[in-house]
Protein backbone atom coordinates (compact mmCIF):
# COMPACT_ATOMS: atom_id res chain seq x y z
CA MET A 1 0.12 -0.09 -0.03
CA ALA A 2 2.72 2.53 0.77
CA GLN A 3 4.35 1.56 -2.61
CA ARG A 4 1.11 2.81 -4.18
CA PHE A 5 0.97 6.04 -2.39
CA LEU A 6 4.50 6.71 -3.31
CA LEU A 7 4.12 6.25 -6.92
CA LYS A 8 0.98 8.46 -6.97
CA TRP A 9 3.33 11.27 -5.34
CA VAL A 10 5.54 10.63 -7.96
CA THR A 11 2.89 10.99 -10.59
CA LEU A 12 1.97 14.47 -9.25
CA LEU A 13 5.38 15.37 -9.06
CA HIS A 14 5.88 15.04 -12.60
CA LYS A 15 2.59 16.51 -13.73
CA LEU A 16 3.42 19.69 -11.41
CA GLU A 17 6.94 20.00 -12.60
CA SER A 18 5.73 19.88 -15.97
CA TRP A 19 2.81 22.49 -15.38
CA LEU A 20 4.93 25.02 -13.56
CA VAL A 21 7.42 24.74 -16.49
CA HIS A 22 4.71 25.46 -18.87
CA ILE A 23 2.93 28.00 -16.54
CA ASN A 24 6.23 29.95 -16.11
CA ILE A 25 6.19 30.84 -19.57
CA VAL A 26 2.80 32.38 -19.69
CA VAL A 27 1.98 33.61 -16.06
CA ASP A 28 3.95 35.55 -14.04
CA THR A 29 5.51 33.65 -11.14
CA CYS A 30 4.18 36.06 -8.73
CA THR A 31 0.59 35.11 -9.17
CA PRO A 32 -1.75 33.04 -6.58
CA GLU A 33 -1.81 30.32 -9.53
CA TRP A 34 2.20 29.58 -9.46
CA THR A 35 2.60 30.12 -5.54
CA TRP A 36 0.21 26.99 -5.38
CA GLY A 37 1.53 25.09 -7.85
CA HIS A 38 4.98 25.98 -6.44
CA ASP A 39 4.28 24.72 -3.14
CA THR A 40 2.10 21.74 -4.25
CA PHE A 41 5.26 20.72 -6.30
CA TRP A 42 7.73 20.76 -3.16
CA MET A 43 4.69 18.82 -1.12
CA SER A 44 4.89 15.96 -3.68
CA PHE A 45 8.64 15.94 -4.40
CA LEU A 46 9.38 15.81 -0.34
CA ALA A 47 6.48 12.95 -0.03
CA ALA A 48 8.25 11.26 -3.07
CA CYS A 49 11.90 11.89 -2.06
CA PRO A 50 11.53 12.22 1.68
CA ASP A 51 15.37 11.64 2.33
CA PHE A 52 15.74 15.31 0.89
CA PRO A 53 17.94 17.26 1.55
CA HIS A 54 19.81 14.95 3.35
CA SER A 55 20.56 12.18 0.93
CA SER A 56 20.53 12.08 -2.83
CA TRP A 57 17.63 12.92 -4.67
CA PRO A 58 16.43 13.56 -8.43
CA LEU A 59 17.23 16.39 -10.24
CA TRP A 60 14.04 19.07 -11.01
CA ASN A 61 13.86 21.52 -13.64
CA SER A 62 15.82 24.54 -12.78
CA ARG A 63 13.05 27.07 -13.44
CA ILE A 64 11.39 25.96 -10.23
CA SER A 65 13.30 27.57 -7.56
CA LEU A 66 14.00 26.53 -4.14
CA GLU A 67 12.15 29.09 -2.39
CA GLY A 68 8.87 29.30 -0.88
CA ALA A 69 7.42 28.86 2.84
CA PHE A 70 7.23 25.39 2.68
CA ILE A 71 10.27 24.31 1.16
CA GLU A 72 11.85 26.75 3.37
CA LEU A 73 10.87 24.99 6.33
CA TRP A 74 12.34 21.80 5.07
CA THR A 75 15.49 23.52 4.35
CA PRO A 76 16.70 25.52 6.97
CA THR A 77 19.68 27.44 6.97
CA GLU A 78 19.23 28.56 10.82
CA ASP A 79 17.80 27.47 14.01
CA PRO A 80 17.23 23.89 12.87
CA GLU A 81 15.55 22.56 15.75
CA ASP A 82 12.10 23.48 14.81
CA SER A 83 12.48 22.31 11.27
CA PRO A 84 10.07 19.44 10.05
CA ALA A 85 13.40 18.51 7.98
CA LEU A 86 14.66 16.64 11.37
CA ILE A 87 11.57 14.10 10.82
CA THR A 88 13.46 10.93 9.49
CA ASN A 89 10.47 8.18 9.19
CA HIS A 90 8.93 8.36 5.65
CA ASP A 91 5.56 7.65 6.74
CA THR A 92 5.64 10.47 9.17
CA ILE A 93 7.18 12.88 6.46
CA ARG A 94 4.29 11.78 4.30
CA ALA A 95 1.44 12.29 6.99
CA VAL A 96 2.67 15.76 7.72
CA ILE A 97 2.97 16.46 3.94
CA TRP A 98 -0.22 15.06 3.33
CA THR A 99 -1.91 17.32 6.20
CA GLU A 100 -0.32 20.38 4.75
CA PHE A 101 -1.28 18.96 1.67
CA GLN A 102 -5.36 19.06 2.43
CA ARG A 103 -4.37 22.51 4.24
CA LEU A 104 -3.58 24.06 0.95
CA ALA A 105 -6.15 22.59 -0.96
CA ALA A 106 -8.85 23.80 1.46
CA GLU A 107 -7.66 27.32 1.04
CA CYS A 108 -8.17 27.01 -2.94
CA PHE A 109 -11.40 24.92 -2.85
CA LEU A 110 -14.59 25.73 -1.08
CA TYR A 111 -15.33 22.02 -0.57
CA SER A 112 -13.51 19.14 0.50
CA LEU A 113 -11.65 18.23 -2.47
CA VAL A 114 -9.17 15.60 -1.06
CA ALA A 115 -10.43 12.87 1.82
CA GLU A 116 -8.58 11.39 4.80
CA LEU A 117 -6.39 8.55 3.93
């Protein structure tokens, strides 16, 4: 079952990466659409590669910056004691990300878009 969810995160990751690279050509990166996609990309990246940034990981398109509120929590430069990046259990990492993903989806949609696992 965990492998199935991992594959879904990887699929989402690739779709978001493609969308962000395409929308980057058309839309300013300061728009809400870009910000939503950017944060969601990093959520799916970390769910698919939970050892990031402590181990090896696949390269992503360089047009997608390593910036933003979500990813900066996982790649701290100062005061790492409060960072979720200290979590090492993959299931816990994915659970934290899933909760944040649901919160982000709820901000964008008026109804429940995603269900509890």
